[in-house]
Every structure is written in structure tokens, then in C-alpha cells.
Amino acid sequence: MNLKSNQRGFVLMEFAIALPLLILLLYALGSVNLKIWDIAKKQVADYVLETEAQEIIDRISNDARAAHSVEVKKASGLGDFQTVIFVCHTNSVKKNDSGFYDTFCQRIYTVDSAEGKAFHIYFKRQMGEAHNNPLSGDNFYGDTVVRTLKFSKPAEKVLHVTLELESLVTGQSVKFNTAVYMPACEEFKI
């Protein structure tokens, strides 16, 4: 292919004109992509906040309904939080003269912080166990912290629960208040 003398360098000129436009187009696509990522991250963080709070309230409510006894005390650590200890019946596989007999299982919900930074709700089965089963916070999609976890007894065999969680990603908070009737509860200590 022979190029005429007046056509030499024309490709370089086109490239020189198109390069800034191509850079501008790539920059615009990148910034739109980052904006979409930021919006999606905030939406997922709010979803995580609401889901964690609902799941914690559901777990506490289910354990309260099954509790034989309930003890509420101040949580160890910083802040104005409470720990609740549910003692529930569990069926044992061993039999005695009257058939199966009951044993008891503790279910403890407490608030603690890692190095005093953020408060999370932990679940454990024994009082001496380390806090190694977090129910809230440290989620890749949206970290949450506990602002309030309180329990009260407004009436006989009724447990009132107040839970407030806050998202560290968006700053939004959600607060749940519920009252749980505890038909099996024989002892309640606050």
C-alpha cells in the first residue's frame, strides 16, 4: 500500500485529538462506577443494620419465651448496657423412673467491646466463656455498634427489651422495643 505524501502522519494527528477525549470518557466511566459502588455499599449497610437488629430481637424473644428463669445484670465493660441470662429446660436422653427428666441450659446475651472501640452483642452458653460468638458488628458489608441494650419487667412474666444499633458506614440507627410474655418463667431477677 502506497501512501501519498499528503496523507503521511494523518493517523498520528487523529490519535492526538482522540486521546484526551478517550481519557475524559474513561474518567467519567470510572467516577460513575465509584458512585454506584458507594450507593450500593450504603444500601447494603442499612440492610445489614436492620437485619442484625431484627435477628437479635427474635433470638432474645424466643429464648425468653422458653426460659425457666431470667436474670438481668449490668454488663461488664464500658457503657450503660445490661446482660440477660436465660435458663431454659432441655430434654435429656437419660431416663429415670418417671421417664425423661429436665436439665437446664444457660443462654447469655451480653455487650462487650474489642479494645474499648465498638460495642457488639455476644451470645454464649456459660458465664465463664470468652466472648467469641458475636451477633452484631464486624460485618464486611456494614459494621454496626450497639447503642442500647436494656431489659425491664413491666408486669409479671413479661420482659421488655430495648435494642438500638447504629451503622458505622451510614450513621443510621434502628431501635426496637418489644415485650415478651414468658409463660414458663418461674424466677425473674433484676
C-alpha atoms as a PDB file:
ATOM      1  CA  MET A   1       0.000   0.000   0.000  1.00  0.00           C
ATOM      2  CA  ASN A   2       1.493   3.276  -1.094  1.00  0.00           C
ATOM      3  CA  LEU A   3       0.698   6.397   0.836  1.00  0.00           C
ATOM      4  CA  LYS A   4       0.780   9.663  -0.944  1.00  0.00           C
ATOM      5  CA  SER A   5       2.932  12.370   0.532  1.00  0.00           C
ATOM      6  CA  ASN A   6      -0.065  14.442   1.676  1.00  0.00           C
ATOM      7  CA  GLN A   7      -1.511  11.527   3.760  1.00  0.00           C
ATOM      8  CA  ARG A   8       1.527  10.868   5.949  1.00  0.00           C
ATOM      9  CA  GLY A   9       1.054  11.492   9.696  1.00  0.00           C
ATOM     10  CA  PHE A  10      -2.708  11.671   9.489  1.00  0.00           C
ATOM     11  CA  VAL A  11      -3.147   8.673  11.888  1.00  0.00           C
ATOM     12  CA  LEU A  12      -0.929  10.344  14.490  1.00  0.00           C
ATOM     13  CA  MET A  13      -2.995  13.523  14.264  1.00  0.00           C
ATOM     14  CA  GLU A  14      -6.236  11.577  14.786  1.00  0.00           C
ATOM     15  CA  PHE A  15      -4.718   9.792  17.789  1.00  0.00           C
ATOM     16  CA  ALA A  16      -3.543  13.098  19.296  1.00  0.00           C
ATOM     17  CA  ILE A  17      -7.059  14.527  19.020  1.00  0.00           C
ATOM     18  CA  ALA A  18      -8.868  11.375  20.233  1.00  0.00           C
ATOM     19  CA  LEU A  19      -6.596  10.660  23.244  1.00  0.00           C
ATOM     20  CA  PRO A  20      -7.903  13.468  25.511  1.00  0.00           C
ATOM     21  CA  LEU A  21     -11.479  12.523  24.611  1.00  0.00           C
ATOM     22  CA  LEU A  22     -10.755   8.867  25.414  1.00  0.00           C
ATOM     23  CA  ILE A  23      -9.181   9.840  28.758  1.00  0.00           C
ATOM     24  CA  LEU A  24     -12.184  12.010  29.599  1.00  0.00           C
ATOM     25  CA  LEU A  25     -14.559   9.168  28.721  1.00  0.00           C
ATOM     26  CA  LEU A  26     -12.638   6.659  30.885  1.00  0.00           C
ATOM     27  CA  TYR A  27     -12.550   9.131  33.799  1.00  0.00           C
ATOM     28  CA  ALA A  28     -16.319   9.662  33.556  1.00  0.00           C
ATOM     29  CA  LEU A  29     -16.986   5.912  33.456  1.00  0.00           C
ATOM     30  CA  GLY A  30     -14.691   5.363  36.464  1.00  0.00           C
ATOM     31  CA  SER A  31     -16.342   8.077  38.558  1.00  0.00           C
ATOM     32  CA  VAL A  32     -19.837   6.783  37.721  1.00  0.00           C
ATOM     33  CA  ASN A  33     -18.714   3.293  38.705  1.00  0.00           C
ATOM     34  CA  LEU A  34     -17.346   4.554  42.044  1.00  0.00           C
ATOM     35  CA  LYS A  35     -20.551   6.475  42.755  1.00  0.00           C
ATOM     36  CA  ILE A  36     -22.669   3.383  42.063  1.00  0.00           C
ATOM     37  CA  TRP A  37     -20.385   1.342  44.359  1.00  0.00           C
ATOM     38  CA  ASP A  38     -20.740   3.918  47.162  1.00  0.00           C
ATOM     39  CA  ILE A  39     -24.551   3.997  46.883  1.00  0.00           C
ATOM     40  CA  ALA A  40     -24.753   0.190  46.824  1.00  0.00           C
ATOM     41  CA  LYS A  41     -22.444  -0.088  49.856  1.00  0.00           C
ATOM     42  CA  LYS A  42     -24.632   2.293  51.866  1.00  0.00           C
ATOM     43  CA  GLN A  43     -27.812   0.430  50.922  1.00  0.00           C
ATOM     44  CA  VAL A  44     -26.295  -2.911  51.915  1.00  0.00           C
ATOM     45  CA  ALA A  45     -25.019  -1.409  55.200  1.00  0.00           C
ATOM     46  CA  ASP A  46     -28.545  -0.224  56.073  1.00  0.00           C
ATOM     47  CA  TYR A  47     -29.928  -3.654  55.196  1.00  0.00           C
ATOM     48  CA  VAL A  48     -27.327  -5.316  57.439  1.00  0.00           C
ATOM     49  CA  LEU A  49     -28.234  -2.922  60.276  1.00  0.00           C
ATOM     50  CA  GLU A  50     -31.940  -3.735  60.132  1.00  0.00           C
ATOM     51  CA  THR A  51     -31.382  -7.471  59.636  1.00  0.00           C
ATOM     52  CA  GLU A  52     -28.976  -7.790  62.563  1.00  0.00           C
ATOM     53  CA  ALA A  53     -31.308  -5.896  64.894  1.00  0.00           C
ATOM     54  CA  GLN A  54     -34.316  -7.995  63.872  1.00  0.00           C
ATOM     55  CA  GLU A  55     -32.424 -11.274  64.255  1.00  0.00           C
ATOM     56  CA  ILE A  56     -31.138 -10.330  67.714  1.00  0.00           C
ATOM     57  CA  ILE A  57     -34.615  -9.331  68.905  1.00  0.00           C
ATOM     58  CA  ASP A  58     -36.033 -12.589  67.521  1.00  0.00           C
ATOM     59  CA  ARG A  59     -33.375 -14.704  69.261  1.00  0.00           C
ATOM     60  CA  ILE A  60     -33.836 -12.930  72.584  1.00  0.00           C
ATOM     61  CA  SER A  61     -37.635 -13.215  72.307  1.00  0.00           C
ATOM     62  CA  ASN A  62     -37.512 -16.937  71.510  1.00  0.00           C
ATOM     63  CA  ASP A  63     -35.167 -17.650  74.413  1.00  0.00           C
ATOM     64  CA  ALA A  64     -37.298 -15.513  76.752  1.00  0.00           C
ATOM     65  CA  ARG A  65     -40.432 -17.497  75.878  1.00  0.00           C
ATOM     66  CA  ALA A  66     -38.657 -20.756  76.717  1.00  0.00           C
ATOM     67  CA  ALA A  67     -36.876 -19.505  79.855  1.00  0.00           C
ATOM     68  CA  HIS A  68     -37.429 -21.166  83.211  1.00  0.00           C
ATOM     69  CA  SER A  69     -35.650 -18.286  84.948  1.00  0.00           C
ATOM     70  CA  VAL A  70     -34.288 -14.916  83.877  1.00  0.00           C
ATOM     71  CA  GLU A  71     -31.524 -12.836  85.426  1.00  0.00           C
ATOM     72  CA  VAL A  72     -30.666  -9.316  84.280  1.00  0.00           C
ATOM     73  CA  LYS A  73     -27.492  -7.605  85.446  1.00  0.00           C
ATOM     74  CA  LYS A  74     -25.100  -4.880  84.355  1.00  0.00           C
ATOM     75  CA  ALA A  75     -22.793  -5.899  81.518  1.00  0.00           C
ATOM     76  CA  SER A  76     -19.105  -5.974  82.270  1.00  0.00           C
ATOM     77  CA  GLY A  77     -17.302  -3.346  80.302  1.00  0.00           C
ATOM     78  CA  LEU A  78     -17.840   0.261  79.355  1.00  0.00           C
ATOM     79  CA  GLY A  79     -21.217   1.826  78.770  1.00  0.00           C
ATOM     80  CA  ASP A  80     -24.703   1.512  80.171  1.00  0.00           C
ATOM     81  CA  PHE A  81     -25.614  -1.972  78.957  1.00  0.00           C
ATOM     82  CA  GLN A  82     -27.251  -4.974  80.541  1.00  0.00           C
ATOM     83  CA  THR A  83     -26.620  -8.696  80.295  1.00  0.00           C
ATOM     84  CA  VAL A  84     -29.503 -11.150  80.305  1.00  0.00           C
ATOM     85  CA  ILE A  85     -29.176 -14.786  81.338  1.00  0.00           C
ATOM     86  CA  PHE A  86     -31.942 -17.165  80.315  1.00  0.00           C
ATOM     87  CA  VAL A  87     -32.024 -20.590  81.964  1.00  0.00           C
ATOM     88  CA  CYS A  88     -34.049 -22.912  79.755  1.00  0.00           C
ATOM     89  CA  HIS A  89     -35.215 -26.508  80.027  1.00  0.00           C
ATOM     90  CA  THR A  90     -33.672 -29.036  77.703  1.00  0.00           C
ATOM     91  CA  ASN A  91     -34.727 -32.657  77.427  1.00  0.00           C
ATOM     92  CA  SER A  92     -32.098 -35.128  78.437  1.00  0.00           C
ATOM     93  CA  VAL A  93     -31.725 -38.502  76.795  1.00  0.00           C
ATOM     94  CA  LYS A  94     -31.266 -40.241  80.147  1.00  0.00           C
ATOM     95  CA  LYS A  95     -34.330 -41.703  81.799  1.00  0.00           C
ATOM     96  CA  ASN A  96     -35.285 -42.025  85.402  1.00  0.00           C
ATOM     97  CA  ASP A  97     -38.317 -43.779  86.962  1.00  0.00           C
ATOM     98  CA  SER A  98     -40.770 -41.202  85.664  1.00  0.00           C
ATOM     99  CA  GLY A  99     -39.350 -41.035  82.113  1.00  0.00           C
ATOM    100  CA  PHE A 100     -37.233 -38.239  80.691  1.00  0.00           C
ATOM    101  CA  TYR A 101     -36.037 -35.573  83.101  1.00  0.00           C
ATOM    102  CA  ASP A 102     -35.132 -31.982  82.519  1.00  0.00           C
ATOM    103  CA  THR A 103     -31.719 -30.407  82.600  1.00  0.00           C
ATOM    104  CA  PHE A 104     -31.033 -26.718  82.321  1.00  0.00           C
ATOM    105  CA  CYS A 105     -29.092 -24.746  79.731  1.00  0.00           C
ATOM    106  CA  GLN A 106     -27.938 -21.133  80.034  1.00  0.00           C
ATOM    107  CA  ARG A 107     -28.262 -18.695  77.166  1.00  0.00           C
ATOM    108  CA  ILE A 108     -26.457 -15.431  77.800  1.00  0.00           C
ATOM    109  CA  TYR A 109     -26.656 -12.223  75.761  1.00  0.00           C
ATOM    110  CA  THR A 110     -24.127  -9.570  76.692  1.00  0.00           C
ATOM    111  CA  VAL A 111     -22.475  -6.457  75.277  1.00  0.00           C
ATOM    112  CA  ASP A 112     -18.719  -6.082  75.148  1.00  0.00           C
ATOM    113  CA  SER A 113     -16.115  -4.244  73.130  1.00  0.00           C
ATOM    114  CA  ALA A 114     -12.895  -5.224  71.464  1.00  0.00           C
ATOM    115  CA  GLU A 115     -10.193  -2.933  72.872  1.00  0.00           C
ATOM    116  CA  GLY A 116     -12.879  -0.474  74.015  1.00  0.00           C
ATOM    117  CA  LYS A 117     -13.629   0.654  70.460  1.00  0.00           C
ATOM    118  CA  ALA A 118     -17.023  -0.638  69.346  1.00  0.00           C
ATOM    119  CA  PHE A 119     -19.692  -2.448  71.320  1.00  0.00           C
ATOM    120  CA  HIS A 120     -21.150  -5.662  69.942  1.00  0.00           C
ATOM    121  CA  ILE A 121     -23.688  -8.174  71.249  1.00  0.00           C
ATOM    122  CA  TYR A 122     -22.272 -11.598  72.089  1.00  0.00           C
ATOM    123  CA  PHE A 123     -24.034 -14.883  72.739  1.00  0.00           C
ATOM    124  CA  LYS A 124     -22.574 -17.571  74.968  1.00  0.00           C
ATOM    125  CA  ARG A 125     -23.762 -20.625  76.847  1.00  0.00           C
ATOM    126  CA  GLN A 126     -21.703 -20.411  80.049  1.00  0.00           C
ATOM    127  CA  MET A 127     -20.793 -17.459  82.239  1.00  0.00           C
ATOM    128  CA  GLY A 128     -17.039 -18.121  82.185  1.00  0.00           C
ATOM    129  CA  GLU A 129     -16.698 -18.479  78.422  1.00  0.00           C
ATOM    130  CA  ALA A 130     -14.859 -15.885  76.399  1.00  0.00           C
ATOM    131  CA  HIS A 131     -16.816 -13.584  74.125  1.00  0.00           C
ATOM    132  CA  ASN A 132     -16.257 -15.383  70.857  1.00  0.00           C
ATOM    133  CA  ASN A 133     -19.691 -15.534  69.219  1.00  0.00           C
ATOM    134  CA  PRO A 134     -20.703 -12.031  68.097  1.00  0.00           C
ATOM    135  CA  LEU A 135     -24.261 -11.491  66.922  1.00  0.00           C
ATOM    136  CA  SER A 136     -23.649  -7.939  65.731  1.00  0.00           C
ATOM    137  CA  GLY A 137     -20.867  -5.917  64.185  1.00  0.00           C
ATOM    138  CA  ASP A 138     -17.682  -6.709  62.292  1.00  0.00           C
ATOM    139  CA  ASN A 139     -19.626  -7.449  59.126  1.00  0.00           C
ATOM    140  CA  PHE A 140     -17.779  -6.950  55.826  1.00  0.00           C
ATOM    141  CA  TYR A 141     -20.812  -5.272  54.256  1.00  0.00           C
ATOM    142  CA  GLY A 142     -21.688  -2.920  57.108  1.00  0.00           C
ATOM    143  CA  ASP A 143     -20.258  -2.712  60.609  1.00  0.00           C
ATOM    144  CA  THR A 144     -22.752  -1.993  63.401  1.00  0.00           C
ATOM    145  CA  VAL A 145     -22.376  -0.992  67.039  1.00  0.00           C
ATOM    146  CA  VAL A 146     -24.752  -1.318  69.967  1.00  0.00           C
ATOM    147  CA  ARG A 147     -26.030   1.919  71.475  1.00  0.00           C
ATOM    148  CA  THR A 148     -28.655   0.461  73.837  1.00  0.00           C
ATOM    149  CA  LEU A 149     -29.450  -2.981  75.213  1.00  0.00           C
ATOM    150  CA  LYS A 150     -31.745  -2.842  78.235  1.00  0.00           C
ATOM    151  CA  PHE A 151     -34.236  -5.148  79.886  1.00  0.00           C
ATOM    152  CA  SER A 152     -37.049  -4.404  82.322  1.00  0.00           C
ATOM    153  CA  LYS A 153     -40.009  -6.163  83.907  1.00  0.00           C
ATOM    154  CA  PRO A 154     -43.172  -4.091  83.418  1.00  0.00           C
ATOM    155  CA  ALA A 155     -45.502  -6.893  84.578  1.00  0.00           C
ATOM    156  CA  GLU A 156     -45.414 -10.431  85.946  1.00  0.00           C
ATOM    157  CA  LYS A 157     -43.848 -12.845  83.420  1.00  0.00           C
ATOM    158  CA  VAL A 158     -43.226 -10.047  80.900  1.00  0.00           C
ATOM    159  CA  LEU A 159     -39.778  -8.992  79.695  1.00  0.00           C
ATOM    160  CA  HIS A 160     -39.409  -5.625  77.978  1.00  0.00           C
ATOM    161  CA  VAL A 161     -36.402  -5.419  75.629  1.00  0.00           C
ATOM    162  CA  THR A 162     -34.912  -2.220  74.174  1.00  0.00           C
ATOM    163  CA  LEU A 163     -32.249  -2.577  71.476  1.00  0.00           C
ATOM    164  CA  GLU A 164     -30.645   0.178  69.444  1.00  0.00           C
ATOM    165  CA  LEU A 165     -27.976  -0.461  66.816  1.00  0.00           C
ATOM    166  CA  GLU A 166     -26.091   2.076  64.699  1.00  0.00           C
ATOM    167  CA  SER A 167     -24.340   1.579  61.367  1.00  0.00           C
ATOM    168  CA  LEU A 168     -20.743   2.812  61.281  1.00  0.00           C
ATOM    169  CA  VAL A 169     -20.945   3.093  57.490  1.00  0.00           C
ATOM    170  CA  THR A 170     -24.010   5.338  57.148  1.00  0.00           C
ATOM    171  CA  GLY A 171     -24.569   6.673  60.675  1.00  0.00           C
ATOM    172  CA  GLN A 172     -28.181   5.473  60.583  1.00  0.00           C
ATOM    173  CA  SER A 173     -29.628   3.820  63.665  1.00  0.00           C
ATOM    174  CA  VAL A 174     -32.540   1.489  64.293  1.00  0.00           C
ATOM    175  CA  LYS A 175     -34.307   0.988  67.598  1.00  0.00           C
ATOM    176  CA  PHE A 176     -36.511  -1.940  68.598  1.00  0.00           C
ATOM    177  CA  ASN A 177     -38.751  -2.160  71.658  1.00  0.00           C
ATOM    178  CA  THR A 178     -40.666  -5.315  72.379  1.00  0.00           C
ATOM    179  CA  ALA A 179     -42.420  -7.004  75.253  1.00  0.00           C
ATOM    180  CA  VAL A 180     -42.229 -10.783  75.532  1.00  0.00           C
ATOM    181  CA  TYR A 181     -44.615 -12.903  77.572  1.00  0.00           C
ATOM    182  CA  MET A 182     -42.689 -15.694  79.317  1.00  0.00           C
ATOM    183  CA  PRO A 183     -45.167 -18.459  80.237  1.00  0.00           C
ATOM    184  CA  ALA A 184     -42.524 -20.842  81.619  1.00  0.00           C
ATOM    185  CA  CYS A 185     -40.708 -18.277  83.760  1.00  0.00           C
ATOM    186  CA  GLU A 186     -40.732 -19.095  87.474  1.00  0.00           C
ATOM    187  CA  GLU A 187     -37.964 -16.765  88.655  1.00  0.00           C
ATOM    188  CA  PHE A 188     -37.054 -13.249  87.497  1.00  0.00           C
ATOM    189  CA  LYS A 189     -34.090 -11.311  88.960  1.00  0.00           C
ATOM    190  CA  ILE A 190     -33.196  -7.741  88.064  1.00  0.00           C
END
